[in-house]
C-alpha atoms as a PDB file:
ATOM      1  CA  MET A   1      -4.114 -11.161  -8.343  1.00  0.00           C
ATOM      2  CA  ALA A   2      -1.731 -10.364  -5.551  1.00  0.00           C
ATOM      3  CA  ILE A   3      -0.301  -7.571  -3.472  1.00  0.00           C
ATOM      4  CA  THR A   4       2.927  -8.245  -1.575  1.00  0.00           C
ATOM      5  CA  MET A   5       5.336  -6.427   0.682  1.00  0.00           C
ATOM      6  CA  THR A   6       9.001  -6.803   1.397  1.00  0.00           C
ATOM      7  CA  ASP A   7      10.170  -8.149   4.724  1.00  0.00           C
ATOM      8  CA  LYS A   8      11.308  -4.645   5.731  1.00  0.00           C
ATOM      9  CA  ALA A   9       7.849  -3.179   4.986  1.00  0.00           C
ATOM     10  CA  ALA A  10       6.118  -6.008   6.849  1.00  0.00           C
ATOM     11  CA  GLN A  11       8.324  -5.453   9.911  1.00  0.00           C
ATOM     12  CA  HIS A  12       7.520  -1.739   9.869  1.00  0.00           C
ATOM     13  CA  VAL A  13       3.754  -2.317   9.611  1.00  0.00           C
ATOM     14  CA  ALA A  14       3.779  -5.060  12.275  1.00  0.00           C
ATOM     15  CA  LYS A  15       5.668  -2.755  14.661  1.00  0.00           C
ATOM     16  CA  PHE A  16       3.079   0.017  14.236  1.00  0.00           C
ATOM     17  CA  LEU A  17       0.138  -2.388  14.572  1.00  0.00           C
ATOM     18  CA  THR A  18       1.648  -3.581  17.851  1.00  0.00           C
ATOM     19  CA  ARG A  19       2.095   0.016  19.076  1.00  0.00           C
ATOM     20  CA  ARG A  20      -1.532   0.798  18.171  1.00  0.00           C
ATOM     21  CA  GLY A  21      -2.672  -2.210  20.171  1.00  0.00           C
ATOM     22  CA  LYS A  22      -5.345  -3.053  17.601  1.00  0.00           C
ATOM     23  CA  GLY A  23      -5.855  -3.623  13.903  1.00  0.00           C
ATOM     24  CA  VAL A  24      -6.041  -6.501  11.463  1.00  0.00           C
ATOM     25  CA  GLY A  25      -3.697  -5.132   8.807  1.00  0.00           C
ATOM     26  CA  LEU A  26      -2.884  -2.350   6.406  1.00  0.00           C
ATOM     27  CA  ARG A  27      -5.297  -1.038   3.773  1.00  0.00           C
ATOM     28  CA  LEU A  28      -3.731  -0.113   0.447  1.00  0.00           C
ATOM     29  CA  GLY A  29      -5.852   1.767  -2.051  1.00  0.00           C
ATOM     30  CA  VAL A  30      -5.880   4.568  -4.571  1.00  0.00           C
ATOM     31  CA  ARG A  31      -7.654   7.891  -4.760  1.00  0.00           C
ATOM     32  CA  THR A  32      -8.097  10.380  -7.586  1.00  0.00           C
ATOM     33  CA  THR A  33      -5.718  13.323  -7.171  1.00  0.00           C
ATOM     34  CA  GLY A  34      -2.601  15.050  -8.422  1.00  0.00           C
ATOM     35  CA  CYS A  35      -1.383  15.895 -11.887  1.00  0.00           C
ATOM     36  CA  SER A  36      -1.217  12.285 -13.119  1.00  0.00           C
ATOM     37  CA  GLY A  37      -4.588  11.151 -11.800  1.00  0.00           C
ATOM     38  CA  LEU A  38      -4.125   8.583  -9.006  1.00  0.00           C
ATOM     39  CA  ALA A  39      -2.338   8.518  -5.661  1.00  0.00           C
ATOM     40  CA  TYR A  40      -1.804   5.728  -3.150  1.00  0.00           C
ATOM     41  CA  LYS A  41      -3.508   5.782   0.218  1.00  0.00           C
ATOM     42  CA  LEU A  42      -2.522   3.754   3.255  1.00  0.00           C
ATOM     43  CA  GLU A  43      -4.378   3.297   6.521  1.00  0.00           C
ATOM     44  CA  TYR A  44      -4.627   0.761   9.281  1.00  0.00           C
ATOM     45  CA  VAL A  45      -7.636  -1.560   9.206  1.00  0.00           C
ATOM     46  CA  ASP A  46      -9.571  -2.364  12.367  1.00  0.00           C
ATOM     47  CA  ALA A  47     -12.397  -4.304  10.673  1.00  0.00           C
ATOM     48  CA  LEU A  48     -12.762  -5.935   7.270  1.00  0.00           C
ATOM     49  CA  GLU A  49     -15.531  -5.010   4.852  1.00  0.00           C
ATOM     50  CA  PRO A  50     -17.361  -7.846   3.032  1.00  0.00           C
ATOM     51  CA  GLU A  51     -15.989  -6.800  -0.382  1.00  0.00           C
ATOM     52  CA  ASP A  52     -12.344  -6.490   0.777  1.00  0.00           C
ATOM     53  CA  GLN A  53      -9.645  -8.605  -0.840  1.00  0.00           C
ATOM     54  CA  VAL A  54      -7.098  -9.765   1.737  1.00  0.00           C
ATOM     55  CA  PHE A  55      -3.508 -10.736   0.927  1.00  0.00           C
ATOM     56  CA  GLU A  56      -0.892 -11.852   3.429  1.00  0.00           C
ATOM     57  CA  SER A  57       2.804 -11.183   3.096  1.00  0.00           C
ATOM     58  CA  HIS A  58       5.449 -11.933   5.741  1.00  0.00           C
ATOM     59  CA  GLY A  59       2.704 -12.426   8.332  1.00  0.00           C
ATOM     60  CA  VAL A  60       1.006  -9.060   7.694  1.00  0.00           C
ATOM     61  CA  ARG A  61      -2.413  -8.663   6.079  1.00  0.00           C
ATOM     62  CA  ILE A  62      -2.813  -6.235   3.189  1.00  0.00           C
ATOM     63  CA  VAL A  63      -6.438  -5.244   2.595  1.00  0.00           C
ATOM     64  CA  VAL A  64      -7.573  -3.841  -0.763  1.00  0.00           C
ATOM     65  CA  ASP A  65     -10.980  -2.719  -1.997  1.00  0.00           C
ATOM     66  CA  PRO A  66     -12.025  -4.139  -5.399  1.00  0.00           C
ATOM     67  CA  LYS A  67     -12.027  -0.736  -7.154  1.00  0.00           C
ATOM     68  CA  SER A  68      -8.399  -0.068  -6.170  1.00  0.00           C
ATOM     69  CA  LEU A  69      -7.196  -3.586  -6.981  1.00  0.00           C
ATOM     70  CA  VAL A  70      -7.568  -2.934 -10.722  1.00  0.00           C
ATOM     71  CA  TYR A  71      -4.877  -0.229 -10.494  1.00  0.00           C
ATOM     72  CA  ILE A  72      -2.478  -1.864  -8.030  1.00  0.00           C
ATOM     73  CA  ASP A  73      -2.628  -5.592  -8.813  1.00  0.00           C
ATOM     74  CA  GLY A  74       0.917  -6.977  -8.693  1.00  0.00           C
ATOM     75  CA  THR A  75       2.258  -4.151  -6.522  1.00  0.00           C
ATOM     76  CA  GLU A  76       5.033  -4.795  -4.024  1.00  0.00           C
ATOM     77  CA  LEU A  77       5.122  -2.439  -1.043  1.00  0.00           C
ATOM     78  CA  ASP A  78       8.602  -1.649   0.266  1.00  0.00           C
ATOM     79  CA  PHE A  79       9.862   0.536   3.107  1.00  0.00           C
ATOM     80  CA  ALA A  80      13.063   2.500   2.624  1.00  0.00           C
ATOM     81  CA  ARG A  81      15.229   4.918   4.555  1.00  0.00           C
ATOM     82  CA  GLU A  82      17.258   7.390   2.538  1.00  0.00           C
ATOM     83  CA  GLY A  83      19.237   9.760   4.715  1.00  0.00           C
ATOM     84  CA  LEU A  84      16.789  11.512   7.035  1.00  0.00           C
ATOM     85  CA  ASN A  85      13.786  10.463   4.946  1.00  0.00           C
ATOM     86  CA  GLU A  86      11.883   7.235   5.287  1.00  0.00           C
ATOM     87  CA  GLY A  87       8.698   5.956   3.792  1.00  0.00           C
ATOM     88  CA  PHE A  88       6.864   3.404   1.731  1.00  0.00           C
ATOM     89  CA  LYS A  89       7.762   2.790  -1.894  1.00  0.00           C
ATOM     90  CA  PHE A  90       5.306   1.273  -4.319  1.00  0.00           C
ATOM     91  CA  ASN A  91       6.672  -1.058  -6.986  1.00  0.00           C
ATOM     92  CA  ASN A  92       3.606  -1.117  -9.219  1.00  0.00           C
ATOM     93  CA  PRO A  93       3.997  -2.873 -12.596  1.00  0.00           C
ATOM     94  CA  ASN A  94       0.855  -1.137 -13.933  1.00  0.00           C
ATOM     95  CA  VAL A  95       2.247   2.425 -13.773  1.00  0.00           C
ATOM     96  CA  LYS A  96       2.651   4.035 -17.183  1.00  0.00           C
ATOM     97  CA  ASP A  97       3.649   7.516 -15.988  1.00  0.00           C
ATOM     98  CA  GLU A  98       4.364   9.392 -12.757  1.00  0.00           C
ATOM     99  CA  CYS A  99       4.221  13.089 -12.058  1.00  0.00           C
ATOM    100  CA  GLY A 100       7.437  14.985 -11.437  1.00  0.00           C
ATOM    101  CA  CYS A 101       6.704  15.582  -7.761  1.00  0.00           C
ATOM    102  CA  GLY A 102       6.144  11.859  -7.179  1.00  0.00           C
ATOM    103  CA  GLU A 103       2.691  12.258  -5.632  1.00  0.00           C
ATOM    104  CA  SER A 104       0.574  10.716  -8.367  1.00  0.00           C
ATOM    105  CA  PHE A 105       0.672   8.148 -11.152  1.00  0.00           C
ATOM    106  CA  ARG A 106      -1.239   7.012 -14.230  1.00  0.00           C
ATOM    107  CA  VAL A 107      -1.949   3.462 -15.426  1.00  0.00           C
END
């Protein structure tokens, strides 16, 4: 089981953790929503929970709860800029279908 991020994503997260002045990493999880069923959620982590799974990629910790890990195991988190838009991209090998608007996915 592993979650990774590209160097570009790690640099972006590290920059924001430094600006915040606190935090141990980035939490990646899923929540039930949208037309396909699941959506990604990202938030900064200030303290680890006992059940958290912690992965490290390019010097940045990625924290995942066990319930989410089932859906996102093997995911690579990337950060991309396309014109005026920028944001995280999720390369999840478990995705079977995505909704047309891009907000949710199904495994």
